Full PDB file with SEQRES, HELIX, SHEET, SSBOND, CRYST1, ORIGX, SCALE, CONECT and MASTER records, all heavy atoms in Angstrom:
SEQRES   1 A   36  LYS VAL VAL PRO ASP LEU ASP ILE LEU VAL VAL ASN ASP          
SEQRES   2 A   36  GLY SER ARG ASP ARG THR ALA ARG GLU ALA LYS ASP ALA          
SEQRES   3 A   36  GLY ALA ILE VAL ILE SER HIS SER PHE ASN                      
HELIX    1 AA1 THR A   19  ASP A   25  1                                   7    
SHEET    1 AA1 2 LEU A   9  ASN A  12  0                                        
SHEET    2 AA1 2 ILE A  29  SER A  32  1                                        
CRYST1    1.000    1.000    1.000  90.00  90.00  90.00 P 1           1          
ORIGX1      1.000000  0.000000  0.000000        0.00000                         
ORIGX2      0.000000  1.000000  0.000000        0.00000                         
ORIGX3      0.000000  0.000000  1.000000        0.00000                         
SCALE1      1.000000  0.000000  0.000000        0.00000                         
SCALE2      0.000000  1.000000  0.000000        0.00000                         
SCALE3      0.000000  0.000000  1.000000        0.00000                         
ATOM      1  N   LYS A   1       4.646 -70.214-129.964  1.00  0.00           N  
ATOM      2  CA  LYS A   1       5.207 -69.019-130.594  1.00  0.00           C  
ATOM      3  C   LYS A   1       5.975 -69.369-131.869  1.00  0.00           C  
ATOM      4  O   LYS A   1       5.989 -68.597-132.836  1.00  0.00           O  
ATOM      5  CB  LYS A   1       6.125 -68.291-129.617  1.00  0.00           C  
ATOM      6  CG  LYS A   1       5.394 -67.514-128.531  1.00  0.00           C  
ATOM      7  CD  LYS A   1       6.378 -66.804-127.613  1.00  0.00           C  
ATOM      8  CE  LYS A   1       5.636 -65.995-126.537  1.00  0.00           C  
ATOM      9  NZ  LYS A   1       6.582 -65.321-125.607  1.00  0.00           N  
ATOM     10  N   VAL A   2       6.614 -70.535-131.864  1.00  0.00           N  
ATOM     11  CA  VAL A   2       7.418 -70.948-133.014  1.00  0.00           C  
ATOM     12  C   VAL A   2       6.546 -71.561-134.108  1.00  0.00           C  
ATOM     13  O   VAL A   2       6.725 -71.274-135.293  1.00  0.00           O  
ATOM     14  CB  VAL A   2       8.504 -71.956-132.575  1.00  0.00           C  
ATOM     15  CG1 VAL A   2       9.303 -72.456-133.780  1.00  0.00           C  
ATOM     16  CG2 VAL A   2       9.437 -71.323-131.559  1.00  0.00           C  
ATOM     17  N   VAL A   3       5.603 -72.418-133.710  1.00  0.00           N  
ATOM     18  CA  VAL A   3       4.740 -73.117-134.679  1.00  0.00           C  
ATOM     19  C   VAL A   3       3.279 -72.949-134.239  1.00  0.00           C  
ATOM     20  O   VAL A   3       2.665 -73.892-133.730  1.00  0.00           O  
ATOM     21  CB  VAL A   3       5.127 -74.603-134.816  1.00  0.00           C  
ATOM     22  CG1 VAL A   3       6.375 -74.759-135.666  1.00  0.00           C  
ATOM     23  CG2 VAL A   3       5.357 -75.252-133.449  1.00  0.00           C  
ATOM     24  N   PRO A   4       2.713 -71.776-134.427  1.00  0.00           N  
ATOM     25  CA  PRO A   4       1.383 -71.485-133.879  1.00  0.00           C  
ATOM     26  C   PRO A   4       0.259 -72.325-134.479  1.00  0.00           C  
ATOM     27  O   PRO A   4      -0.806 -72.449-133.861  1.00  0.00           O  
ATOM     28  CB  PRO A   4       1.190 -69.999-134.208  1.00  0.00           C  
ATOM     29  CG  PRO A   4       2.112 -69.724-135.343  1.00  0.00           C  
ATOM     30  CD  PRO A   4       3.292 -70.613-135.114  1.00  0.00           C  
ATOM     31  N   ASP A   5       0.465 -72.900-135.649  1.00  0.00           N  
ATOM     32  CA  ASP A   5      -0.612 -73.638-136.311  1.00  0.00           C  
ATOM     33  C   ASP A   5      -0.602 -75.132-136.023  1.00  0.00           C  
ATOM     34  O   ASP A   5      -1.483 -75.858-136.501  1.00  0.00           O  
ATOM     35  CB  ASP A   5      -0.521 -73.420-137.828  1.00  0.00           C  
ATOM     36  CG  ASP A   5      -0.708 -71.960-138.217  1.00  0.00           C  
ATOM     37  OD1 ASP A   5      -1.481 -71.264-137.524  1.00  0.00           O  
ATOM     38  OD2 ASP A   5      -0.069 -71.515-139.192  1.00  0.00           O  
ATOM     39  N   LEU A   6       0.377 -75.612-135.268  1.00  0.00           N  
ATOM     40  CA  LEU A   6       0.469 -77.046-135.024  1.00  0.00           C  
ATOM     41  C   LEU A   6      -0.265 -77.437-133.742  1.00  0.00           C  
ATOM     42  O   LEU A   6      -0.305 -76.683-132.776  1.00  0.00           O  
ATOM     43  CB  LEU A   6       1.939 -77.484-134.910  1.00  0.00           C  
ATOM     44  CG  LEU A   6       2.839 -77.236-136.109  1.00  0.00           C  
ATOM     45  CD1 LEU A   6       4.178 -77.939-135.920  1.00  0.00           C  
ATOM     46  CD2 LEU A   6       2.187 -77.679-137.406  1.00  0.00           C  
ATOM     47  N   ASP A   7      -0.845 -78.640-133.765  1.00  0.00           N  
ATOM     48  CA  ASP A   7      -1.451 -79.186-132.552  1.00  0.00           C  
ATOM     49  C   ASP A   7      -0.345 -79.598-131.581  1.00  0.00           C  
ATOM     50  O   ASP A   7       0.740 -80.018-131.987  1.00  0.00           O  
ATOM     51  CB  ASP A   7      -2.306 -80.411-132.890  1.00  0.00           C  
ATOM     52  CG  ASP A   7      -3.549 -80.042-133.691  1.00  0.00           C  
ATOM     53  OD1 ASP A   7      -3.980 -78.878-133.620  1.00  0.00           O  
ATOM     54  OD2 ASP A   7      -4.064 -80.927-134.402  1.00  0.00           O  
ATOM     55  N   ILE A   8      -0.635 -79.485-130.296  1.00  0.00           N  
ATOM     56  CA  ILE A   8       0.316 -79.867-129.252  1.00  0.00           C  
ATOM     57  C   ILE A   8      -0.351 -80.894-128.343  1.00  0.00           C  
ATOM     58  O   ILE A   8      -1.441 -80.663-127.823  1.00  0.00           O  
ATOM     59  CB  ILE A   8       0.758 -78.642-128.426  1.00  0.00           C  
ATOM     60  CG1 ILE A   8       1.436 -77.598-129.327  1.00  0.00           C  
ATOM     61  CG2 ILE A   8       1.713 -79.067-127.303  1.00  0.00           C  
ATOM     62  CD1 ILE A   8       1.771 -76.302-128.610  1.00  0.00           C  
ATOM     63  N   LEU A   9       0.312 -82.028-128.167  1.00  0.00           N  
ATOM     64  CA  LEU A   9      -0.181 -83.095-127.301  1.00  0.00           C  
ATOM     65  C   LEU A   9       0.775 -83.280-126.138  1.00  0.00           C  
ATOM     66  O   LEU A   9       1.979 -83.463-126.331  1.00  0.00           O  
ATOM     67  CB  LEU A   9      -0.285 -84.412-128.081  1.00  0.00           C  
ATOM     68  CG  LEU A   9      -0.498 -85.682-127.248  1.00  0.00           C  
ATOM     69  CD1 LEU A   9      -1.883 -85.680-126.597  1.00  0.00           C  
ATOM     70  CD2 LEU A   9      -0.295 -86.933-128.108  1.00  0.00           C  
ATOM     71  N   VAL A  10       0.252 -83.245-124.929  1.00  0.00           N  
ATOM     72  CA  VAL A  10       1.026 -83.575-123.730  1.00  0.00           C  
ATOM     73  C   VAL A  10       0.527 -84.917-123.210  1.00  0.00           C  
ATOM     74  O   VAL A  10      -0.673 -85.089-122.965  1.00  0.00           O  
ATOM     75  CB  VAL A  10       0.877 -82.490-122.642  1.00  0.00           C  
ATOM     76  CG1 VAL A  10       1.526 -82.957-121.335  1.00  0.00           C  
ATOM     77  CG2 VAL A  10       1.506 -81.186-123.100  1.00  0.00           C  
ATOM     78  N   VAL A  11       1.436 -85.873-123.078  1.00  0.00           N  
ATOM     79  CA  VAL A  11       1.087 -87.146-122.441  1.00  0.00           C  
ATOM     80  C   VAL A  11       1.610 -87.090-121.016  1.00  0.00           C  
ATOM     81  O   VAL A  11       2.815 -87.102-120.771  1.00  0.00           O  
ATOM     82  CB  VAL A  11       1.673 -88.342-123.196  1.00  0.00           C  
ATOM     83  CG1 VAL A  11       1.262 -89.643-122.495  1.00  0.00           C  
ATOM     84  CG2 VAL A  11       1.196 -88.364-124.643  1.00  0.00           C  
ATOM     85  N   ASN A  12       0.687 -86.986-120.091  1.00  0.00           N  
ATOM     86  CA  ASN A  12       0.994 -86.863-118.667  1.00  0.00           C  
ATOM     87  C   ASN A  12       1.124 -88.256-118.066  1.00  0.00           C  
ATOM     88  O   ASN A  12       0.153 -89.000-117.974  1.00  0.00           O  
ATOM     89  CB  ASN A  12      -0.138 -86.074-117.984  1.00  0.00           C  
ATOM     90  CG  ASN A  12      -0.075 -86.166-116.484  1.00  0.00           C  
ATOM     91  OD1 ASN A  12       0.988 -86.040-115.893  1.00  0.00           O  
ATOM     92  ND2 ASN A  12      -1.227 -86.404-115.855  1.00  0.00           N  
ATOM     93  N   ASP A  13       2.330 -88.617-117.659  1.00  0.00           N  
ATOM     94  CA  ASP A  13       2.602 -89.980-117.215  1.00  0.00           C  
ATOM     95  C   ASP A  13       2.359 -90.152-115.714  1.00  0.00           C  
ATOM     96  O   ASP A  13       3.288 -90.410-114.939  1.00  0.00           O  
ATOM     97  CB  ASP A  13       4.044 -90.355-117.568  1.00  0.00           C  
ATOM     98  CG  ASP A  13       4.336 -91.831-117.332  1.00  0.00           C  
ATOM     99  OD1 ASP A  13       3.393 -92.640-117.399  1.00  0.00           O  
ATOM    100  OD2 ASP A  13       5.508 -92.174-117.083  1.00  0.00           O  
ATOM    101  N   GLY A  14       1.100 -89.990-115.312  1.00  0.00           N  
ATOM    102  CA  GLY A  14       0.738 -90.221-113.915  1.00  0.00           C  
ATOM    103  C   GLY A  14       1.352 -89.229-112.948  1.00  0.00           C  
ATOM    104  O   GLY A  14       1.673 -89.586-111.806  1.00  0.00           O  
ATOM    105  N   SER A  15       1.499 -87.985-113.371  1.00  0.00           N  
ATOM    106  CA  SER A  15       2.110 -86.971-112.509  1.00  0.00           C  
ATOM    107  C   SER A  15       1.315 -86.781-111.219  1.00  0.00           C  
ATOM    108  O   SER A  15       0.086 -86.874-111.207  1.00  0.00           O  
ATOM    109  CB  SER A  15       2.192 -85.634-113.242  1.00  0.00           C  
ATOM    110  OG  SER A  15       3.015 -85.732-114.384  1.00  0.00           O  
ATOM    111  N   ARG A  16       2.049 -86.456-110.159  1.00  0.00           N  
ATOM    112  CA  ARG A  16       1.413 -86.217-108.859  1.00  0.00           C  
ATOM    113  C   ARG A  16       1.194 -84.729-108.602  1.00  0.00           C  
ATOM    114  O   ARG A  16       0.735 -84.346-107.522  1.00  0.00           O  
ATOM    115  CB  ARG A  16       2.272 -86.821-107.741  1.00  0.00           C  
ATOM    116  CG  ARG A  16       2.463 -88.325-107.847  1.00  0.00           C  
ATOM    117  CD  ARG A  16       3.211 -88.882-106.653  1.00  0.00           C  
ATOM    118  NE  ARG A  16       4.535 -88.291-106.513  1.00  0.00           N  
ATOM    119  CZ  ARG A  16       5.623 -88.743-107.110  1.00  0.00           C  
ATOM    120  NH1 ARG A  16       5.540 -89.800-107.902  1.00  0.00           N  
ATOM    121  NH2 ARG A  16       6.794 -88.155-106.936  1.00  0.00           N  
ATOM    122  N   ASP A  17       1.526 -83.900-109.582  1.00  0.00           N  
ATOM    123  CA  ASP A  17       1.344 -82.455-109.407  1.00  0.00           C  
ATOM    124  C   ASP A  17       0.308 -81.943-110.414  1.00  0.00           C  
ATOM    125  O   ASP A  17      -0.551 -82.695-110.856  1.00  0.00           O  
ATOM    126  CB  ASP A  17       2.695 -81.735-109.573  1.00  0.00           C  
ATOM    127  CG  ASP A  17       3.311 -81.939-110.956  1.00  0.00           C  
ATOM    128  OD1 ASP A  17       2.647 -82.541-111.828  1.00  0.00           O  
ATOM    129  OD2 ASP A  17       4.457 -81.489-111.169  1.00  0.00           O  
ATOM    130  N   ARG A  18       0.395 -80.682-110.785  1.00  0.00           N  
ATOM    131  CA  ARG A  18      -0.618 -80.057-111.643  1.00  0.00           C  
ATOM    132  C   ARG A  18      -0.231 -80.067-113.129  1.00  0.00           C  
ATOM    133  O   ARG A  18      -0.725 -79.260-113.907  1.00  0.00           O  
ATOM    134  CB  ARG A  18      -0.830 -78.602-111.192  1.00  0.00           C  
ATOM    135  CG  ARG A  18      -1.561 -78.479-109.854  1.00  0.00           C  
ATOM    136  CD  ARG A  18      -1.698 -77.023-109.428  1.00  0.00           C  
ATOM    137  NE  ARG A  18      -2.264 -76.190-110.480  1.00  0.00           N  
ATOM    138  CZ  ARG A  18      -3.561 -76.050-110.735  1.00  0.00           C  
ATOM    139  NH1 ARG A  18      -4.442 -76.733-110.016  1.00  0.00           N  
ATOM    140  NH2 ARG A  18      -3.995 -75.251-111.690  1.00  0.00           N  
ATOM    141  N   THR A  19       0.616 -80.995-113.522  1.00  0.00           N  
ATOM    142  CA  THR A  19       1.061 -81.041-114.915  1.00  0.00           C  
ATOM    143  C   THR A  19      -0.107 -81.084-115.892  1.00  0.00           C  
ATOM    144  O   THR A  19      -0.164 -80.298-116.850  1.00  0.00           O  
ATOM    145  CB  THR A  19       1.977 -82.264-115.153  1.00  0.00           C  
ATOM    146  OG1 THR A  19       3.169 -82.118-114.380  1.00  0.00           O  
ATOM    147  CG2 THR A  19       2.349 -82.381-116.619  1.00  0.00           C  
ATOM    148  N   ALA A  20      -1.049 -81.988-115.679  1.00  0.00           N  
ATOM    149  CA  ALA A  20      -2.162 -82.154-116.620  1.00  0.00           C  
ATOM    150  C   ALA A  20      -3.015 -80.891-116.684  1.00  0.00           C  
ATOM    151  O   ALA A  20      -3.380 -80.424-117.775  1.00  0.00           O  
ATOM    152  CB  ALA A  20      -3.015 -83.357-116.224  1.00  0.00           C  
ATOM    153  N   ARG A  21      -3.365 -80.319-115.540  1.00  0.00           N  
ATOM    154  CA  ARG A  21      -4.206 -79.120-115.498  1.00  0.00           C  
ATOM    155  C   ARG A  21      -3.500 -77.947-116.162  1.00  0.00           C  
ATOM    156  O   ARG A  21      -4.109 -77.212-116.962  1.00  0.00           O  
ATOM    157  CB  ARG A  21      -4.543 -78.789-114.047  1.00  0.00           C  
ATOM    158  CG  ARG A  21      -5.225 -77.431-113.830  1.00  0.00           C  
ATOM    159  CD  ARG A  21      -6.456 -77.233-114.703  1.00  0.00           C  
ATOM    160  NE  ARG A  21      -7.434 -78.288-114.491  1.00  0.00           N  
ATOM    161  CZ  ARG A  21      -8.498 -78.491-115.283  1.00  0.00           C  
ATOM    162  NH1 ARG A  21      -8.670 -77.730-116.361  1.00  0.00           N  
ATOM    163  NH2 ARG A  21      -9.335 -79.465-115.023  1.00  0.00           N  
ATOM    164  N   GLU A  22      -2.226 -77.742-115.878  1.00  0.00           N  
ATOM    165  CA  GLU A  22      -1.497 -76.621-116.467  1.00  0.00           C  
ATOM    166  C   GLU A  22      -1.358 -76.780-117.979  1.00  0.00           C  
ATOM    167  O   GLU A  22      -1.449 -75.797-118.728  1.00  0.00           O  
ATOM    168  CB  GLU A  22      -0.119 -76.495-115.813  1.00  0.00           C  
ATOM    169  CG  GLU A  22      -0.196 -76.042-114.357  1.00  0.00           C  
ATOM    170  CD  GLU A  22       1.161 -76.011-113.679  1.00  0.00           C  
ATOM    171  OE1 GLU A  22       2.190 -76.095-114.399  1.00  0.00           O  
ATOM    172  OE2 GLU A  22       1.204 -75.896-112.431  1.00  0.00           O  
ATOM    173  N   ALA A  23      -1.148 -78.009-118.431  1.00  0.00           N  
ATOM    174  CA  ALA A  23      -1.040 -78.256-119.874  1.00  0.00           C  
ATOM    175  C   ALA A  23      -2.363 -77.988-120.573  1.00  0.00           C  
ATOM    176  O   ALA A  23      -2.414 -77.379-121.655  1.00  0.00           O  
ATOM    177  CB  ALA A  23      -0.583 -79.685-120.126  1.00  0.00           C  
ATOM    178  N   LYS A  24      -3.459 -78.410-119.962  1.00  0.00           N  
ATOM    179  CA  LYS A  24      -4.779 -78.191-120.548  1.00  0.00           C  
ATOM    180  C   LYS A  24      -5.116 -76.708-120.561  1.00  0.00           C  
ATOM    181  O   LYS A  24      -5.640 -76.177-121.558  1.00  0.00           O  
ATOM    182  CB  LYS A  24      -5.832 -78.970-119.758  1.00  0.00           C  
ATOM    183  CG  LYS A  24      -7.205 -79.015-120.404  1.00  0.00           C  
ATOM    184  CD  LYS A  24      -8.141 -79.966-119.660  1.00  0.00           C  
ATOM    185  CE  LYS A  24      -7.658 -81.389-119.785  1.00  0.00           C  
ATOM    186  NZ  LYS A  24      -8.610 -82.366-119.181  1.00  0.00           N  
ATOM    187  N   ASP A  25      -4.821 -76.022-119.486  1.00  0.00           N  
ATOM    188  CA  ASP A  25      -5.078 -74.580-119.420  1.00  0.00           C  
ATOM    189  C   ASP A  25      -4.252 -73.807-120.450  1.00  0.00           C  
ATOM    190  O   ASP A  25      -4.664 -72.740-120.913  1.00  0.00           O  
ATOM    191  CB  ASP A  25      -4.772 -74.044-118.014  1.00  0.00           C  
ATOM    192  CG  ASP A  25      -5.780 -74.517-116.977  1.00  0.00           C  
ATOM    193  OD1 ASP A  25      -6.846 -75.023-117.372  1.00  0.00           O  
ATOM    194  OD2 ASP A  25      -5.490 -74.394-115.769  1.00  0.00           O  
ATOM    195  N   ALA A  26      -3.092 -74.367-120.823  1.00  0.00           N  
ATOM    196  CA  ALA A  26      -2.236 -73.720-121.818  1.00  0.00           C  
ATOM    197  C   ALA A  26      -2.679 -74.028-123.242  1.00  0.00           C  
ATOM    198  O   ALA A  26      -2.067 -73.529-124.197  1.00  0.00           O  
ATOM    199  CB  ALA A  26      -0.787 -74.153-121.618  1.00  0.00           C  
ATOM    200  N   GLY A  27      -3.715 -74.860-123.382  1.00  0.00           N  
ATOM    201  CA  GLY A  27      -4.281 -75.102-124.701  1.00  0.00           C  
ATOM    202  C   GLY A  27      -3.835 -76.377-125.382  1.00  0.00           C  
ATOM    203  O   GLY A  27      -4.151 -76.597-126.559  1.00  0.00           O  
ATOM    204  N   ALA A  28      -3.123 -77.240-124.673  1.00  0.00           N  
ATOM    205  CA  ALA A  28      -2.663 -78.493-125.271  1.00  0.00           C  
ATOM    206  C   ALA A  28      -3.740 -79.567-125.165  1.00  0.00           C  
ATOM    207  O   ALA A  28      -4.608 -79.529-124.293  1.00  0.00           O  
ATOM    208  CB  ALA A  28      -1.389 -78.970-124.589  1.00  0.00           C  
ATOM    209  N   ILE A  29      -3.679 -80.527-126.072  1.00  0.00           N  
ATOM    210  CA  ILE A  29      -4.423 -81.770-125.912  1.00  0.00           C  
ATOM    211  C   ILE A  29      -3.702 -82.567-124.827  1.00  0.00           C  
ATOM    212  O   ILE A  29      -2.471 -82.642-124.826  1.00  0.00           O  
ATOM    213  CB  ILE A  29      -4.437 -82.577-127.226  1.00  0.00           C  
ATOM    214  CG1 ILE A  29      -4.980 -81.741-128.379  1.00  0.00           C  
ATOM    215  CG2 ILE A  29      -5.232 -83.871-127.069  1.00  0.00           C  
ATOM    216  CD1 ILE A  29      -4.670 -82.327-129.752  1.00  0.00           C  
ATOM    217  N   VAL A  30      -4.434 -83.151-123.912  1.00  0.00           N  
ATOM    218  CA  VAL A  30      -3.796 -83.859-122.798  1.00  0.00           C  
ATOM    219  C   VAL A  30      -4.338 -85.281-122.689  1.00  0.00           C  
ATOM    220  O   VAL A  30      -5.551 -85.502-122.690  1.00  0.00           O  
ATOM    221  CB  VAL A  30      -4.021 -83.130-121.456  1.00  0.00           C  
ATOM    222  CG1 VAL A  30      -3.385 -83.918-120.304  1.00  0.00           C  
ATOM    223  CG2 VAL A  30      -3.430 -81.724-121.513  1.00  0.00           C  
ATOM    224  N   ILE A  31      -3.433 -86.236-122.646  1.00  0.00           N  
ATOM    225  CA  ILE A  31      -3.748 -87.625-122.328  1.00  0.00           C  
ATOM    226  C   ILE A  31      -3.011 -87.954-121.036  1.00  0.00           C  
ATOM    227  O   ILE A  31      -1.817 -87.675-120.921  1.00  0.00           O  
ATOM    228  CB  ILE A  31      -3.301 -88.596-123.431  1.00  0.00           C  
ATOM    229  CG1 ILE A  31      -4.039 -88.314-124.738  1.00  0.00           C  
ATOM    230  CG2 ILE A  31      -3.518 -90.039-123.006  1.00  0.00           C  
ATOM    231  CD1 ILE A  31      -3.541 -89.154-125.905  1.00  0.00           C  
ATOM    232  N   SER A  32      -3.722 -88.545-120.076  1.00  0.00           N  
ATOM    233  CA  SER A  32      -3.080 -88.857-118.792  1.00  0.00           C  
ATOM    234  C   SER A  32      -3.102 -90.353-118.525  1.00  0.00           C  
ATOM    235  O   SER A  32      -4.143 -91.005-118.652  1.00  0.00           O  
ATOM    236  CB  SER A  32      -3.797 -88.132-117.652  1.00  0.00           C  
ATOM    237  OG  SER A  32      -3.557 -86.745-117.705  1.00  0.00           O  
ATOM    238  N   HIS A  33      -1.944 -90.905-118.160  1.00  0.00           N  
ATOM    239  CA  HIS A  33      -1.887 -92.259-117.635  1.00  0.00           C  
ATOM    240  C   HIS A  33      -2.371 -92.239-116.187  1.00  0.00           C  
ATOM    241  O   HIS A  33      -2.107 -91.285-115.454  1.00  0.00           O  
ATOM    242  CB  HIS A  33      -0.455 -92.792-117.667  1.00  0.00           C  
ATOM    243  CG  HIS A  33       0.066 -93.033-119.043  1.00  0.00           C  
ATOM    244  ND1 HIS A  33       1.416 -93.119-119.326  1.00  0.00           N  
ATOM    245  CD2 HIS A  33      -0.575 -93.219-120.229  1.00  0.00           C  
ATOM    246  CE1 HIS A  33       1.582 -93.349-120.611  1.00  0.00           C  
ATOM    247  NE2 HIS A  33       0.396 -93.398-121.184  1.00  0.00           N  
ATOM    248  N   SER A  34      -3.051 -93.306-115.772  1.00  0.00           N  
ATOM    249  CA  SER A  34      -3.562 -93.387-114.401  1.00  0.00           C  
ATOM    250  C   SER A  34      -2.436 -93.481-113.380  1.00  0.00           C  
ATOM    251  O   SER A  34      -2.591 -93.074-112.233  1.00  0.00           O  
ATOM    252  CB  SER A  34      -4.492 -94.598-114.251  1.00  0.00           C  
ATOM    253  OG  SER A  34      -5.602 -94.470-115.129  1.00  0.00           O  
ATOM    254  N   PHE A  35      -1.311 -94.019-113.785  1.00  0.00           N  
ATOM    255  CA  PHE A  35      -0.146 -94.122-112.910  1.00  0.00           C  
ATOM    256  C   PHE A  35       1.098 -94.015-113.782  1.00  0.00           C  
ATOM    257  O   PHE A  35       1.028 -94.099-115.008  1.00  0.00           O  
ATOM    258  CB  PHE A  35      -0.151 -95.434-112.104  1.00  0.00           C  
ATOM    259  CG  PHE A  35      -0.278 -96.669-112.958  1.00  0.00           C  
ATOM    260  CD1 PHE A  35       0.853 -97.332-113.417  1.00  0.00           C  
ATOM    261  CD2 PHE A  35      -1.529 -97.171-113.301  1.00  0.00           C  
ATOM    262  CE1 PHE A  35       0.742 -98.458-114.204  1.00  0.00           C  
ATOM    263  CE2 PHE A  35      -1.652 -98.305-114.091  1.00  0.00           C  
ATOM    264  CZ  PHE A  35      -0.511 -98.954-114.543  1.00  0.00           C  
ATOM    265  N   ASN A  36       2.248 -93.839-113.148  1.00  0.00           N  
ATOM    266  CA  ASN A  36       3.501 -93.663-113.876  1.00  0.00           C  
ATOM    267  C   ASN A  36       3.906 -94.958-114.572  1.00  0.00           C  
ATOM    268  O   ASN A  36       4.093 -95.981-113.941  1.00  0.00           O  
ATOM    269  CB  ASN A  36       4.588 -93.219-112.891  1.00  0.00           C  
ATOM    270  CG  ASN A  36       5.917 -92.982-113.574  1.00  0.00           C  
ATOM    271  OD1 ASN A  36       6.865 -93.730-113.383  1.00  0.00           O  
ATOM    272  ND2 ASN A  36       6.004 -91.932-114.382  1.00  0.00           N  
TER     273      ASN A  36                                                      
MASTER        0    0    0    1    2    0    0    6  272    1    0    3          
END                                                                             
């Protein structure tokens, strides 16, 4: 909402919940570590 034209990257540090899926569904680029 604040910066609609900027890319957003979420680095998921081996989360055990739905962090990666929720971030991807929200439109972010997602990189996931295999473990924390």
